[in-house]
């Protein structure tokens, strides 16, 4: 099935008010090897980042652990996220997913990490760290 890499740090899922700029401290961290995603919508600014980088003043949910699908993944492929999300849903592990041009990422609560790994490997996926 898929090769999933478990990233090393705890991650945070953060929310800032709509129209907020990306926090300067977070921008300074970009490009240093961590996965950081900032998404602006009309309703919010959503940030996924290492927990240690969570911006001041944001609503923060932590700790989460982050899996990266080994990529790059062909954009024409279908069912990539479904093959990961379905076994986690069956195991009642909540998720937060996001995608980039090259691959997909999936966060699970740190307290559910062992259950998530068990469900993913039972579904035939390989998990490495």
N, C-alpha and C. Protein backbone atom coordinates (compact mmCIF):
# COMPACT_ATOMS: atom_id res chain seq x y z
N UNK A 1 0.83 -1.19 0.00
CA UNK A 1 0.00 0.00 0.00
C UNK A 1 0.88 1.25 0.00
N UNK A 2 0.83 2.04 1.08
CA UNK A 2 1.57 3.30 1.13
C UNK A 2 2.68 3.26 2.16
N UNK A 3 3.70 4.05 1.91
CA UNK A 3 4.79 4.25 2.85
C UNK A 3 4.50 5.58 3.57
N UNK A 4 4.38 5.52 4.90
CA UNK A 4 4.10 6.71 5.70
C UNK A 4 5.28 6.98 6.62
N UNK A 5 5.70 8.22 6.67
CA UNK A 5 6.77 8.62 7.59
C UNK A 5 6.15 9.38 8.76
N UNK A 6 6.43 8.92 9.97
CA UNK A 6 5.99 9.63 11.17
C UNK A 6 7.03 10.70 11.48
N UNK A 7 6.62 11.96 11.41
CA UNK A 7 7.54 13.05 11.70
C UNK A 7 7.87 13.09 13.19
N UNK A 8 9.00 13.65 13.53
CA UNK A 8 9.56 13.48 14.87
C UNK A 8 8.90 14.29 15.98
N UNK A 9 8.38 15.46 15.70
CA UNK A 9 7.92 16.35 16.76
C UNK A 9 6.42 16.29 16.96
N UNK A 10 5.98 16.79 18.11
CA UNK A 10 4.56 17.05 18.31
C UNK A 10 4.18 18.25 17.45
N UNK A 11 2.96 18.22 16.93
CA UNK A 11 2.46 19.30 16.08
C UNK A 11 1.26 19.98 16.73
N UNK A 12 0.99 21.19 16.28
CA UNK A 12 -0.15 21.97 16.75
C UNK A 12 -1.03 22.32 15.56
N UNK A 13 -2.33 22.33 15.80
CA UNK A 13 -3.32 22.82 14.85
C UNK A 13 -3.81 24.14 15.43
N UNK A 14 -3.62 25.23 14.70
CA UNK A 14 -3.87 26.57 15.24
C UNK A 14 -4.84 27.34 14.35
N UNK A 15 -5.52 28.29 14.99
CA UNK A 15 -6.47 29.14 14.28
C UNK A 15 -6.24 30.58 14.70
N UNK A 16 -6.13 31.46 13.69
CA UNK A 16 -6.06 32.90 13.91
C UNK A 16 -7.26 33.53 13.22
N UNK A 17 -7.62 34.75 13.61
CA UNK A 17 -8.75 35.41 12.96
C UNK A 17 -8.51 35.62 11.47
N UNK A 18 -9.61 35.66 10.71
CA UNK A 18 -9.52 35.90 9.27
C UNK A 18 -8.72 37.17 9.01
N UNK A 19 -7.88 37.10 7.98
CA UNK A 19 -7.10 38.27 7.57
C UNK A 19 -5.80 38.45 8.32
N UNK A 20 -5.53 37.61 9.31
CA UNK A 20 -4.27 37.73 10.06
C UNK A 20 -3.09 37.43 9.15
N UNK A 21 -1.99 38.17 9.34
CA UNK A 21 -0.78 37.82 8.58
C UNK A 21 -0.13 36.59 9.21
N UNK A 22 0.73 35.95 8.45
CA UNK A 22 1.50 34.83 9.01
C UNK A 22 2.43 35.39 10.08
N UNK A 23 2.45 34.77 11.25
CA UNK A 23 3.33 35.26 12.32
C UNK A 23 4.79 35.25 11.91
N UNK A 24 5.50 36.33 12.21
CA UNK A 24 6.90 36.47 11.81
C UNK A 24 7.78 35.35 12.39
N UNK A 25 7.52 34.95 13.63
CA UNK A 25 8.31 33.88 14.23
C UNK A 25 8.14 32.58 13.46
N UNK A 26 6.95 32.34 12.94
CA UNK A 26 6.68 31.14 12.16
C UNK A 26 7.39 31.22 10.81
N UNK A 27 7.36 32.39 10.18
CA UNK A 27 8.06 32.58 8.91
C UNK A 27 9.55 32.38 9.08
N UNK A 28 10.10 32.80 10.21
CA UNK A 28 11.52 32.63 10.47
C UNK A 28 11.88 31.15 10.58
N UNK A 29 10.94 30.33 11.01
CA UNK A 29 11.15 28.88 11.16
C UNK A 29 11.05 28.15 9.83
N UNK A 30 10.34 28.73 8.86
CA UNK A 30 10.12 28.09 7.56
C UNK A 30 11.45 27.79 6.88
N UNK A 31 11.52 26.64 6.24
CA UNK A 31 12.72 26.26 5.52
C UNK A 31 13.79 25.61 6.38
N UNK A 32 13.49 25.36 7.64
CA UNK A 32 14.47 24.76 8.55
C UNK A 32 14.21 23.28 8.78
N UNK A 33 13.44 22.65 7.88
CA UNK A 33 13.23 21.22 7.96
C UNK A 33 11.92 20.78 8.56
N UNK A 34 11.16 21.70 9.13
CA UNK A 34 9.87 21.35 9.71
C UNK A 34 8.76 21.53 8.68
N UNK A 35 7.68 20.78 8.86
CA UNK A 35 6.50 20.96 8.02
C UNK A 35 5.64 22.04 8.67
N UNK A 36 5.34 23.07 7.88
CA UNK A 36 4.49 24.17 8.34
C UNK A 36 3.51 24.47 7.21
N UNK A 37 2.24 24.56 7.54
CA UNK A 37 1.22 24.89 6.55
C UNK A 37 0.39 26.05 7.06
N UNK A 38 0.22 27.06 6.23
CA UNK A 38 -0.63 28.20 6.57
C UNK A 38 -1.68 28.32 5.47
N UNK A 39 -2.95 28.32 5.87
CA UNK A 39 -4.04 28.42 4.91
C UNK A 39 -4.94 29.58 5.29
N UNK A 40 -5.14 30.49 4.34
CA UNK A 40 -6.04 31.62 4.55
C UNK A 40 -7.36 31.31 3.88
N UNK A 41 -8.46 31.51 4.62
CA UNK A 41 -9.80 31.40 4.06
C UNK A 41 -10.56 32.67 4.46
N UNK A 42 -11.75 32.89 3.91
CA UNK A 42 -12.52 34.06 4.34
C UNK A 42 -12.89 34.02 5.82
N UNK A 43 -12.85 32.85 6.45
CA UNK A 43 -13.30 32.71 7.83
C UNK A 43 -12.19 32.58 8.87
N UNK A 44 -10.97 32.25 8.43
CA UNK A 44 -9.90 31.99 9.40
C UNK A 44 -8.56 31.90 8.70
N UNK A 45 -7.52 31.88 9.52
CA UNK A 45 -6.17 31.49 9.10
C UNK A 45 -5.85 30.24 9.90
N UNK A 46 -5.62 29.15 9.20
CA UNK A 46 -5.36 27.86 9.83
C UNK A 46 -3.87 27.55 9.68
N UNK A 47 -3.24 27.17 10.78
CA UNK A 47 -1.81 26.90 10.78
C UNK A 47 -1.56 25.53 11.38
N UNK A 48 -0.73 24.75 10.70
CA UNK A 48 -0.24 23.48 11.23
C UNK A 48 1.27 23.63 11.33
N UNK A 49 1.81 23.38 12.51
CA UNK A 49 3.23 23.61 12.72
C UNK A 49 3.71 22.78 13.92
N UNK A 50 5.03 22.65 14.07
CA UNK A 50 5.52 22.01 15.29
C UNK A 50 4.95 22.74 16.51
N UNK A 51 4.59 21.99 17.53
CA UNK A 51 3.95 22.58 18.71
C UNK A 51 4.79 23.70 19.31
N UNK A 52 6.10 23.57 19.26
CA UNK A 52 6.98 24.60 19.83
C UNK A 52 6.90 25.92 19.06
N UNK A 53 6.34 25.90 17.86
CA UNK A 53 6.24 27.10 17.03
C UNK A 53 4.84 27.70 17.01
N UNK A 54 3.93 27.16 17.79
CA UNK A 54 2.55 27.66 17.77
C UNK A 54 2.53 29.16 18.05
N UNK A 55 1.83 29.92 17.22
CA UNK A 55 1.85 31.38 17.36
C UNK A 55 1.09 31.88 18.60
N UNK A 56 1.64 32.91 19.21
CA UNK A 56 0.97 33.56 20.33
C UNK A 56 -0.36 34.14 19.86
N UNK A 57 -1.36 34.06 20.71
CA UNK A 57 -2.66 34.64 20.41
C UNK A 57 -3.56 33.76 19.57
N UNK A 58 -3.08 32.59 19.16
CA UNK A 58 -3.89 31.68 18.34
C UNK A 58 -4.67 30.72 19.24
N UNK A 59 -5.78 30.23 18.74
CA UNK A 59 -6.43 29.07 19.35
C UNK A 59 -5.58 27.88 18.95
N UNK A 60 -5.14 27.09 19.93
CA UNK A 60 -4.18 26.03 19.64
C UNK A 60 -4.69 24.70 20.18
N UNK A 61 -4.66 23.69 19.33
CA UNK A 61 -4.95 22.31 19.72
C UNK A 61 -3.65 21.53 19.59
N UNK A 62 -3.21 20.94 20.68
CA UNK A 62 -1.96 20.19 20.68
C UNK A 62 -2.02 19.15 21.78
N UNK A 63 -1.28 18.11 21.78
CA UNK A 63 -0.29 17.71 20.78
C UNK A 63 -0.87 16.73 19.77
N UNK A 64 -0.43 16.87 18.54
CA UNK A 64 -0.76 15.98 17.44
C UNK A 64 0.53 15.39 16.90
N UNK A 65 0.45 14.24 16.25
CA UNK A 65 1.60 13.67 15.55
C UNK A 65 1.27 13.66 14.07
N UNK A 66 2.29 13.84 13.26
CA UNK A 66 2.10 14.05 11.82
C UNK A 66 2.73 12.92 11.00
N UNK A 67 1.93 12.35 10.09
CA UNK A 67 2.41 11.37 9.12
C UNK A 67 2.51 12.05 7.76
N UNK A 68 3.59 11.73 7.02
CA UNK A 68 3.75 12.21 5.65
C UNK A 68 3.70 11.00 4.72
N UNK A 69 2.88 11.08 3.68
CA UNK A 69 2.85 10.03 2.67
C UNK A 69 4.11 10.19 1.83
N UNK A 70 4.88 9.10 1.68
CA UNK A 70 6.09 9.17 0.86
C UNK A 70 5.69 9.59 -0.54
N UNK A 71 6.34 10.58 -1.04
CA UNK A 71 5.97 11.13 -2.33
C UNK A 71 7.21 11.39 -3.16
N UNK A 72 7.04 12.06 -4.26
CA UNK A 72 5.82 12.74 -4.63
C UNK A 72 4.73 11.78 -5.10
N UNK A 73 3.50 12.19 -4.86
CA UNK A 73 2.32 11.42 -5.24
C UNK A 73 1.76 12.03 -6.52
N UNK A 74 1.49 11.20 -7.49
CA UNK A 74 0.91 11.65 -8.77
C UNK A 74 -0.47 12.24 -8.51
N UNK A 75 -0.69 13.46 -8.95
CA UNK A 75 -1.97 14.14 -8.72
C UNK A 75 -3.14 13.43 -9.41
N UNK A 76 -2.87 12.55 -10.38
CA UNK A 76 -3.93 11.83 -11.07
C UNK A 76 -4.41 10.61 -10.28
N UNK A 77 -3.67 10.22 -9.24
CA UNK A 77 -4.08 9.06 -8.44
C UNK A 77 -5.30 9.39 -7.60
N UNK A 78 -6.12 8.39 -7.37
CA UNK A 78 -7.30 8.58 -6.53
C UNK A 78 -7.23 7.63 -5.34
N UNK A 79 -7.88 8.01 -4.25
CA UNK A 79 -8.03 7.13 -3.11
C UNK A 79 -6.87 7.13 -2.13
N UNK A 80 -5.89 7.99 -2.31
CA UNK A 80 -4.74 8.00 -1.40
C UNK A 80 -5.21 8.30 0.03
N UNK A 81 -5.85 9.44 0.22
CA UNK A 81 -6.31 9.80 1.57
C UNK A 81 -7.34 8.81 2.10
N UNK A 82 -8.22 8.35 1.23
CA UNK A 82 -9.25 7.40 1.66
C UNK A 82 -8.63 6.13 2.22
N UNK A 83 -7.52 5.67 1.62
CA UNK A 83 -6.88 4.44 2.09
C UNK A 83 -6.24 4.61 3.47
N UNK A 84 -5.99 5.85 3.85
CA UNK A 84 -5.42 6.13 5.18
C UNK A 84 -6.53 6.45 6.17
N UNK A 85 -7.47 7.28 5.73
CA UNK A 85 -8.52 7.76 6.63
C UNK A 85 -9.50 6.65 7.01
N UNK A 86 -9.83 5.78 6.09
CA UNK A 86 -10.82 4.72 6.39
C UNK A 86 -10.41 3.82 7.55
N UNK A 87 -9.17 3.27 7.56
CA UNK A 87 -8.82 2.43 8.71
C UNK A 87 -8.76 3.22 10.02
N UNK A 88 -8.40 4.49 9.94
CA UNK A 88 -8.38 5.31 11.16
C UNK A 88 -9.79 5.59 11.65
N UNK A 89 -10.71 5.83 10.72
CA UNK A 89 -12.11 6.03 11.10
C UNK A 89 -12.66 4.76 11.75
N UNK A 90 -12.33 3.60 11.17
CA UNK A 90 -12.78 2.33 11.74
C UNK A 90 -12.24 2.14 13.15
N UNK A 91 -11.03 2.65 13.41
CA UNK A 91 -10.41 2.55 14.73
C UNK A 91 -10.83 3.71 15.64
N UNK A 92 -11.69 4.59 15.13
CA UNK A 92 -12.20 5.75 15.87
C UNK A 92 -11.09 6.70 16.29
N UNK A 93 -10.10 6.87 15.39
CA UNK A 93 -9.00 7.83 15.59
C UNK A 93 -9.33 9.07 14.78
N UNK A 94 -9.49 10.21 15.45
CA UNK A 94 -9.78 11.44 14.72
C UNK A 94 -8.52 11.93 14.02
N UNK A 95 -8.73 12.67 12.93
CA UNK A 95 -7.60 13.10 12.09
C UNK A 95 -7.76 14.56 11.68
N UNK A 96 -6.65 15.11 11.23
CA UNK A 96 -6.63 16.42 10.57
C UNK A 96 -5.71 16.22 9.37
N UNK A 97 -6.21 16.39 8.16
CA UNK A 97 -5.44 16.13 6.96
C UNK A 97 -5.20 17.41 6.17
N UNK A 98 -4.08 17.45 5.48
CA UNK A 98 -3.82 18.52 4.52
C UNK A 98 -2.90 17.99 3.43
N UNK A 99 -2.91 18.66 2.31
CA UNK A 99 -2.15 18.20 1.16
C UNK A 99 -1.30 19.33 0.59
N UNK A 100 -0.22 18.91 -0.09
CA UNK A 100 0.61 19.83 -0.84
C UNK A 100 0.63 19.34 -2.28
N UNK A 101 1.36 20.00 -3.13
CA UNK A 101 1.45 19.57 -4.52
C UNK A 101 2.04 18.16 -4.61
N UNK A 102 3.02 17.87 -3.76
CA UNK A 102 3.75 16.60 -3.84
C UNK A 102 3.16 15.45 -3.04
N UNK A 103 2.47 15.74 -1.93
CA UNK A 103 2.07 14.64 -1.06
C UNK A 103 0.93 15.03 -0.12
N UNK A 104 0.58 14.09 0.73
CA UNK A 104 -0.47 14.30 1.72
C UNK A 104 0.11 14.14 3.12
N UNK A 105 -0.50 14.84 4.07
CA UNK A 105 -0.10 14.77 5.48
C UNK A 105 -1.35 14.46 6.29
N UNK A 106 -1.15 13.76 7.38
CA UNK A 106 -2.25 13.39 8.24
C UNK A 106 -1.80 13.51 9.68
N UNK A 107 -2.55 14.25 10.48
CA UNK A 107 -2.24 14.39 11.89
C UNK A 107 -3.24 13.60 12.70
N UNK A 108 -2.74 12.97 13.77
CA UNK A 108 -3.59 12.25 14.73
C UNK A 108 -3.22 12.74 16.12
N UNK A 109 -4.15 12.72 17.05
CA UNK A 109 -3.81 13.13 18.42
C UNK A 109 -2.69 12.24 18.97
N UNK A 110 -1.74 12.84 19.65
CA UNK A 110 -0.61 12.08 20.21
C UNK A 110 -1.08 10.93 21.10
N UNK A 111 -2.16 11.15 21.84
CA UNK A 111 -2.65 10.11 22.75
C UNK A 111 -3.23 8.91 22.00
N UNK A 112 -3.47 9.06 20.70
CA UNK A 112 -4.02 7.96 19.88
C UNK A 112 -2.99 7.41 18.90
N UNK A 113 -1.72 7.80 19.06
CA UNK A 113 -0.69 7.42 18.09
C UNK A 113 -0.53 5.91 17.94
N UNK A 114 -0.45 5.18 19.04
CA UNK A 114 -0.25 3.73 18.92
C UNK A 114 -1.45 3.07 18.24
N UNK A 115 -2.65 3.53 18.52
CA UNK A 115 -3.84 3.00 17.86
C UNK A 115 -3.82 3.31 16.36
N UNK A 116 -3.35 4.51 16.02
CA UNK A 116 -3.27 4.91 14.62
C UNK A 116 -2.27 4.03 13.88
N UNK A 117 -1.10 3.82 14.46
CA UNK A 117 -0.08 2.99 13.81
C UNK A 117 -0.59 1.56 13.64
N UNK A 118 -1.25 1.03 14.66
CA UNK A 118 -1.81 -0.31 14.57
C UNK A 118 -2.83 -0.41 13.44
N UNK A 119 -3.72 0.57 13.35
CA UNK A 119 -4.75 0.56 12.29
C UNK A 119 -4.13 0.70 10.91
N UNK A 120 -3.14 1.56 10.77
CA UNK A 120 -2.51 1.78 9.47
C UNK A 120 -1.73 0.55 9.01
N UNK A 121 -0.99 -0.07 9.92
CA UNK A 121 -0.22 -1.26 9.53
C UNK A 121 -1.16 -2.43 9.24
N UNK A 122 -2.25 -2.55 9.99
CA UNK A 122 -3.23 -3.61 9.72
C UNK A 122 -3.86 -3.44 8.34
N UNK A 123 -3.93 -2.19 7.87
CA UNK A 123 -4.49 -1.91 6.54
C UNK A 123 -3.45 -2.11 5.44
N UNK A 124 -2.23 -2.50 5.83
CA UNK A 124 -1.20 -2.78 4.84
C UNK A 124 -0.21 -1.67 4.59
N UNK A 125 -0.35 -0.55 5.29
CA UNK A 125 0.59 0.56 5.11
C UNK A 125 1.86 0.30 5.94
N UNK A 126 2.97 0.87 5.46
CA UNK A 126 4.23 0.79 6.22
C UNK A 126 4.47 2.14 6.87
N UNK A 127 4.77 2.11 8.16
CA UNK A 127 5.04 3.33 8.92
C UNK A 127 6.49 3.32 9.37
N UNK A 128 7.21 4.39 9.04
CA UNK A 128 8.60 4.52 9.49
C UNK A 128 8.75 5.86 10.19
N UNK A 129 9.83 5.98 10.97
CA UNK A 129 10.06 7.27 11.65
C UNK A 129 11.45 7.76 11.33
